[in-house]
C-alpha atoms as a PDB file:
ATOM      1  CA  MET A   1     -87.627 -49.006 -40.083  1.00  0.00           C
ATOM      2  CA  VAL A   2     -86.022 -52.124 -39.767  1.00  0.00           C
ATOM      3  CA  THR A   3     -86.956 -55.033 -42.332  1.00  0.00           C
ATOM      4  CA  GLY A   4     -86.449 -58.710 -42.063  1.00  0.00           C
ATOM      5  CA  HIS A   5     -83.446 -58.571 -44.488  1.00  0.00           C
ATOM      6  CA  ASN A   6     -82.033 -55.678 -42.689  1.00  0.00           C
ATOM      7  CA  SER A   7     -82.429 -57.397 -39.298  1.00  0.00           C
ATOM      8  CA  VAL A   8     -80.467 -60.399 -40.512  1.00  0.00           C
ATOM      9  CA  PHE A   9     -77.744 -58.036 -41.726  1.00  0.00           C
ATOM     10  CA  LEU A  10     -77.586 -56.088 -38.584  1.00  0.00           C
ATOM     11  CA  LEU A  11     -77.393 -59.379 -36.619  1.00  0.00           C
ATOM     12  CA  CYS A  12     -74.557 -60.472 -38.763  1.00  0.00           C
ATOM     13  CA  LEU A  13     -72.613 -57.418 -38.219  1.00  0.00           C
ATOM     14  CA  MET A  14     -73.158 -57.566 -34.409  1.00  0.00           C
ATOM     15  CA  LEU A  15     -72.025 -61.201 -34.259  1.00  0.00           C
ATOM     16  CA  MET A  16     -69.011 -60.749 -36.466  1.00  0.00           C
ATOM     17  CA  PRO A  17     -66.638 -59.247 -34.006  1.00  0.00           C
ATOM     18  CA  SER A  18     -67.298 -62.067 -31.651  1.00  0.00           C
ATOM     19  CA  ALA A  19     -66.618 -64.609 -34.407  1.00  0.00           C
ATOM     20  CA  VAL A  20     -63.201 -62.693 -35.373  1.00  0.00           C
ATOM     21  CA  PHE A  21     -62.070 -62.362 -31.629  1.00  0.00           C
ATOM     22  CA  ALA A  22     -63.034 -65.909 -30.635  1.00  0.00           C
ATOM     23  CA  ASP A  23     -60.130 -67.445 -31.999  1.00  0.00           C
ATOM     24  CA  ARG A  24     -57.813 -64.833 -30.112  1.00  0.00           C
ATOM     25  CA  GLN A  25     -59.763 -65.616 -26.890  1.00  0.00           C
ATOM     26  CA  ALA A  26     -59.333 -69.459 -27.197  1.00  0.00           C
ATOM     27  CA  ASP A  27     -55.474 -69.269 -27.467  1.00  0.00           C
ATOM     28  CA  GLN A  28     -54.568 -66.844 -24.719  1.00  0.00           C
ATOM     29  CA  GLY A  29     -50.907 -68.438 -24.715  1.00  0.00           C
ATOM     30  CA  HIS A  30     -49.559 -71.896 -25.110  1.00  0.00           C
ATOM     31  CA  GLY A  31     -46.435 -73.816 -24.214  1.00  0.00           C
ATOM     32  CA  LEU A  32     -45.057 -77.226 -23.792  1.00  0.00           C
ATOM     33  CA  VAL A  33     -43.839 -78.990 -20.523  1.00  0.00           C
ATOM     34  CA  GLU A  34     -41.413 -81.836 -20.883  1.00  0.00           C
ATOM     35  CA  MET A  35     -40.677 -84.187 -18.083  1.00  0.00           C
ATOM     36  CA  GLN A  36     -38.488 -87.026 -17.395  1.00  0.00           C
ATOM     37  CA  GLY A  37     -38.042 -89.578 -14.560  1.00  0.00           C
ATOM     38  CA  SER A  38     -37.775 -93.004 -13.847  1.00  0.00           C
ATOM     39  CA  ILE A  39     -39.523 -95.814 -11.839  1.00  0.00           C
ATOM     40  CA  ILE A  40     -37.411 -98.007  -9.976  1.00  0.00           C
ATOM     41  CA  ASP A  41     -38.398-101.266  -7.958  1.00  0.00           C
ATOM     42  CA  THR A  42     -36.151-101.869  -5.217  1.00  0.00           C
ATOM     43  CA  PRO A  43     -36.655-104.956  -2.851  1.00  0.00           C
ATOM     44  CA  CYS A  44     -36.483-102.676   0.241  1.00  0.00           C
ATOM     45  CA  ALA A  45     -37.193 -98.989   1.409  1.00  0.00           C
ATOM     46  CA  ILE A  46     -34.689 -97.372   3.647  1.00  0.00           C
ATOM     47  CA  ASP A  47     -36.317 -96.169   6.648  1.00  0.00           C
ATOM     48  CA  VAL A  48     -36.546 -92.239   6.452  1.00  0.00           C
ATOM     49  CA  ALA A  49     -34.901 -91.530   9.874  1.00  0.00           C
ATOM     50  CA  ASP A  50     -31.958 -93.518   8.568  1.00  0.00           C
ATOM     51  CA  ARG A  51     -31.332 -91.719   5.182  1.00  0.00           C
ATOM     52  CA  ASN A  52     -29.534 -88.750   6.656  1.00  0.00           C
ATOM     53  CA  GLN A  53     -27.864 -89.413   9.974  1.00  0.00           C
ATOM     54  CA  SER A  54     -25.695 -87.163  12.270  1.00  0.00           C
ATOM     55  CA  ILE A  55     -23.293 -89.055  14.471  1.00  0.00           C
ATOM     56  CA  ASP A  56     -21.719 -87.343  17.216  1.00  0.00           C
ATOM     57  CA  MET A  57     -18.140 -88.470  17.791  1.00  0.00           C
ATOM     58  CA  SER A  58     -17.707 -86.688  21.084  1.00  0.00           C
ATOM     59  CA  VAL A  59     -14.592 -85.414  22.328  1.00  0.00           C
ATOM     60  CA  ILE A  60     -11.545 -87.502  21.819  1.00  0.00           C
ATOM     61  CA  PRO A  61      -8.226 -86.303  23.272  1.00  0.00           C
ATOM     62  CA  VAL A  62      -4.982 -86.012  20.945  1.00  0.00           C
ATOM     63  CA  SER A  63      -3.196 -88.233  23.293  1.00  0.00           C
ATOM     64  CA  GLN A  64      -5.675 -91.239  22.897  1.00  0.00           C
ATOM     65  CA  ILE A  65      -5.156 -90.966  19.043  1.00  0.00           C
ATOM     66  CA  MET A  66      -1.340 -90.943  19.632  1.00  0.00           C
ATOM     67  CA  ARG A  67      -1.347 -93.829  22.023  1.00  0.00           C
ATOM     68  CA  ASP A  68      -3.917 -95.982  20.467  1.00  0.00           C
ATOM     69  CA  GLY A  69      -4.007 -94.821  16.910  1.00  0.00           C
ATOM     70  CA  GLN A  70      -7.647 -94.455  16.961  1.00  0.00           C
ATOM     71  CA  GLY A  71     -10.642 -93.476  18.923  1.00  0.00           C
ATOM     72  CA  PRO A  72     -13.684 -95.283  20.116  1.00  0.00           C
ATOM     73  CA  THR A  73     -16.183 -96.563  17.746  1.00  0.00           C
ATOM     74  CA  ARG A  74     -19.618 -95.166  17.405  1.00  0.00           C
ATOM     75  CA  PRO A  75     -22.385 -97.464  16.285  1.00  0.00           C
ATOM     76  CA  PHE A  76     -24.872 -96.475  13.403  1.00  0.00           C
ATOM     77  CA  THR A  77     -27.756 -98.470  11.623  1.00  0.00           C
ATOM     78  CA  ILE A  78     -29.425 -98.457   8.292  1.00  0.00           C
ATOM     79  CA  ARG A  79     -32.593 -99.968   8.734  1.00  0.00           C
ATOM     80  CA  LEU A  80     -34.306-101.591   5.539  1.00  0.00           C
ATOM     81  CA  ILE A  81     -38.156-101.740   5.715  1.00  0.00           C
ATOM     82  CA  ASN A  82     -40.844-103.523   3.838  1.00  0.00           C
ATOM     83  CA  CYS A  83     -38.435-105.835   1.986  1.00  0.00           C
ATOM     84  CA  VAL A  84     -40.005-108.109  -0.697  1.00  0.00           C
ATOM     85  CA  LEU A  85     -38.048-110.619  -2.371  1.00  0.00           C
ATOM     86  CA  THR A  86     -39.206-110.594  -6.260  1.00  0.00           C
ATOM     87  CA  PRO A  87     -37.354-111.158  -9.384  1.00  0.00           C
ATOM     88  CA  LEU A  88     -36.302-108.044 -11.154  1.00  0.00           C
ATOM     89  CA  LYS A  89     -37.754-109.466 -14.707  1.00  0.00           C
ATOM     90  CA  PRO A  90     -40.118-112.323 -15.035  1.00  0.00           C
ATOM     91  CA  GLY A  91     -38.285-115.658 -15.258  1.00  0.00           C
ATOM     92  CA  GLN A  92     -35.099-114.376 -13.583  1.00  0.00           C
ATOM     93  CA  PRO A  93     -33.960-115.409  -9.740  1.00  0.00           C
ATOM     94  CA  MET A  94     -35.219-113.478  -7.076  1.00  0.00           C
ATOM     95  CA  VAL A  95     -33.215-110.510  -5.877  1.00  0.00           C
ATOM     96  CA  SER A  96     -31.778-111.832  -2.474  1.00  0.00           C
ATOM     97  CA  ARG A  97     -28.511-110.120  -1.969  1.00  0.00           C
ATOM     98  CA  PHE A  98     -27.159-106.515  -1.489  1.00  0.00           C
ATOM     99  CA  SER A  99     -24.052-104.697  -1.068  1.00  0.00           C
ATOM    100  CA  VAL A 100     -23.457-101.149   0.349  1.00  0.00           C
ATOM    101  CA  THR A 101     -20.989 -98.712  -0.865  1.00  0.00           C
ATOM    102  CA  PHE A 102     -19.841 -95.662   1.234  1.00  0.00           C
ATOM    103  CA  ASP A 103     -18.405 -92.754  -0.514  1.00  0.00           C
ATOM    104  CA  GLY A 104     -16.865 -89.360   0.071  1.00  0.00           C
ATOM    105  CA  ALA A 105     -13.727 -87.392   0.182  1.00  0.00           C
ATOM    106  CA  THR A 106     -10.609 -89.863   1.002  1.00  0.00           C
ATOM    107  CA  THR A 107      -7.276 -89.756   2.461  1.00  0.00           C
ATOM    108  CA  ASN A 108      -4.135 -91.615   1.114  1.00  0.00           C
ATOM    109  CA  ASP A 109      -4.955 -94.401   3.608  1.00  0.00           C
ATOM    110  CA  ASN A 110      -8.336 -95.410   2.519  1.00  0.00           C
ATOM    111  CA  LEU A 111      -9.903 -93.318   5.148  1.00  0.00           C
ATOM    112  CA  PHE A 112     -12.776 -91.009   4.712  1.00  0.00           C
ATOM    113  CA  ALA A 113     -11.328 -87.512   4.919  1.00  0.00           C
ATOM    114  CA  VAL A 114     -12.476 -84.850   7.631  1.00  0.00           C
ATOM    115  CA  SER A 115     -12.321 -81.008   7.210  1.00  0.00           C
ATOM    116  CA  GLY A 116     -12.032 -78.486   9.705  1.00  0.00           C
ATOM    117  CA  GLU A 117      -9.415 -77.547  12.298  1.00  0.00           C
ATOM    118  CA  GLY A 118      -8.624 -81.014  13.491  1.00  0.00           C
ATOM    119  CA  LYS A 119      -5.826 -82.805  11.376  1.00  0.00           C
ATOM    120  CA  GLY A 120      -3.928 -85.946  11.353  1.00  0.00           C
ATOM    121  CA  VAL A 121      -7.143 -88.255  11.315  1.00  0.00           C
ATOM    122  CA  GLY A 122      -9.611 -89.740   9.087  1.00  0.00           C
ATOM    123  CA  LEU A 123     -12.849 -91.815   9.560  1.00  0.00           C
ATOM    124  CA  GLN A 124     -12.993 -95.684   9.242  1.00  0.00           C
ATOM    125  CA  ILE A 125     -16.312 -97.642   8.708  1.00  0.00           C
ATOM    126  CA  ALA A 126     -16.674-101.199   9.567  1.00  0.00           C
ATOM    127  CA  ASP A 127     -19.643-103.469   9.043  1.00  0.00           C
ATOM    128  CA  ALA A 128     -20.776-105.923  11.923  1.00  0.00           C
ATOM    129  CA  ASN A 129     -18.404-108.510  10.796  1.00  0.00           C
ATOM    130  CA  GLY A 130     -15.410-106.197  11.028  1.00  0.00           C
ATOM    131  CA  ASN A 131     -15.022-105.935   7.338  1.00  0.00           C
ATOM    132  CA  LEU A 132     -13.735-102.334   6.615  1.00  0.00           C
ATOM    133  CA  ALA A 133     -15.318-100.057   4.027  1.00  0.00           C
ATOM    134  CA  ASP A 134     -12.935 -98.825   1.305  1.00  0.00           C
ATOM    135  CA  PRO A 135     -14.395 -95.349  -0.027  1.00  0.00           C
ATOM    136  CA  GLY A 136     -16.223 -95.873  -3.194  1.00  0.00           C
ATOM    137  CA  GLN A 137     -16.009 -99.704  -3.153  1.00  0.00           C
ATOM    138  CA  PRO A 138     -18.938-101.787  -2.541  1.00  0.00           C
ATOM    139  CA  LEU A 139     -18.546-103.562   0.909  1.00  0.00           C
ATOM    140  CA  ALA A 140     -19.179-107.347   1.338  1.00  0.00           C
ATOM    141  CA  GLY A 141     -22.769-107.812   0.992  1.00  0.00           C
ATOM    142  CA  GLY A 142     -25.387-109.881   2.685  1.00  0.00           C
ATOM    143  CA  ASN A 143     -28.634-111.761   2.386  1.00  0.00           C
ATOM    144  CA  LEU A 144     -31.753-109.964   2.087  1.00  0.00           C
ATOM    145  CA  GLN A 145     -34.594-111.068   4.404  1.00  0.00           C
ATOM    146  CA  PRO A 146     -38.230-110.430   3.773  1.00  0.00           C
ATOM    147  CA  GLY A 147     -39.727-107.667   6.099  1.00  0.00           C
ATOM    148  CA  ASN A 148     -37.403-105.634   8.124  1.00  0.00           C
ATOM    149  CA  SER A 149     -33.484-105.735   8.586  1.00  0.00           C
ATOM    150  CA  ASN A 150     -30.927-103.691  10.318  1.00  0.00           C
ATOM    151  CA  LEU A 151     -27.565-103.183   8.757  1.00  0.00           C
ATOM    152  CA  ASP A 152     -25.027-102.328  11.764  1.00  0.00           C
ATOM    153  CA  TYR A 153     -22.072-100.442  11.331  1.00  0.00           C
ATOM    154  CA  THR A 154     -19.356 -98.697  13.231  1.00  0.00           C
ATOM    155  CA  LEU A 155     -17.514 -95.402  12.740  1.00  0.00           C
ATOM    156  CA  ARG A 156     -14.317 -94.490  14.197  1.00  0.00           C
ATOM    157  CA  LEU A 157     -11.626 -91.861  14.171  1.00  0.00           C
ATOM    158  CA  VAL A 158      -8.223 -93.221  13.010  1.00  0.00           C
ATOM    159  CA  SER A 159      -4.847 -91.592  12.603  1.00  0.00           C
ATOM    160  CA  ASN A 160      -3.729 -91.169   9.148  1.00  0.00           C
ATOM    161  CA  ARG A 161       0.028 -90.838  10.274  1.00  0.00           C
ATOM    162  CA  GLN A 162       0.105 -87.047   9.505  1.00  0.00           C
ATOM    163  CA  THR A 163       0.847 -84.597  12.285  1.00  0.00           C
ATOM    164  CA  LEU A 164      -2.100 -84.449  14.877  1.00  0.00           C
ATOM    165  CA  ARG A 165      -3.738 -81.137  15.475  1.00  0.00           C
ATOM    166  CA  ALA A 166      -6.574 -80.509  17.964  1.00  0.00           C
ATOM    167  CA  GLY A 167      -9.637 -78.972  16.641  1.00  0.00           C
ATOM    168  CA  THR A 168     -13.300 -79.446  15.430  1.00  0.00           C
ATOM    169  CA  TYR A 169     -13.824 -81.629  12.434  1.00  0.00           C
ATOM    170  CA  ALA A 170     -16.611 -82.839  10.013  1.00  0.00           C
ATOM    171  CA  ALA A 171     -17.208 -85.173   7.143  1.00  0.00           C
ATOM    172  CA  THR A 172     -19.888 -86.116   4.955  1.00  0.00           C
ATOM    173  CA  ILE A 173     -20.099 -89.801   3.696  1.00  0.00           C
ATOM    174  CA  ARG A 174     -22.858 -90.913   1.390  1.00  0.00           C
ATOM    175  CA  PHE A 175     -23.972 -94.474   1.028  1.00  0.00           C
ATOM    176  CA  LYS A 176     -25.722 -96.546  -1.649  1.00  0.00           C
ATOM    177  CA  LEU A 177     -27.497 -99.814  -1.690  1.00  0.00           C
ATOM    178  CA  ASP A 178     -27.354-102.305  -4.659  1.00  0.00           C
ATOM    179  CA  TYR A 179     -29.381-105.257  -4.949  1.00  0.00           C
ATOM    180  CA  TYR A 180     -28.643-108.419  -6.911  1.00  0.00           C
END
């Protein structure tokens, strides 16, 4: 026969394993996630279609490079969108100018190097005013305009005064915008 005192004791015995294991069930494992990043505020965004561009330089005869020292120009554009002119910090002047830096492997002649079978050439970039880009150096900047703007450039194959050899070639050139 179970009396009142025995019932309480039996109930305590039945609940005790739950209390002992509750702590283990609550912590099934733990860890730590660390994150870092940055929030930037740029006056303009670069149009998604212009972030990674492929430019077909077409077929250029060795004879043209020998005769002219260069091939024809190929245009490309970097579109700036949603430009808003604001100060970077309160009380400072508005950000209203930019510069573009093109960077990549280079030749001895301040040209962008090409890789592949084609030899004796490099790539040259010029802005809409004819200013030539020196690899890794900021190109003459311009004024930002609210809204959308096009930054127009040309690319051309140029002799680097080495022995010319026909063949395919490729290059990767990065660009960076700085605002001030």
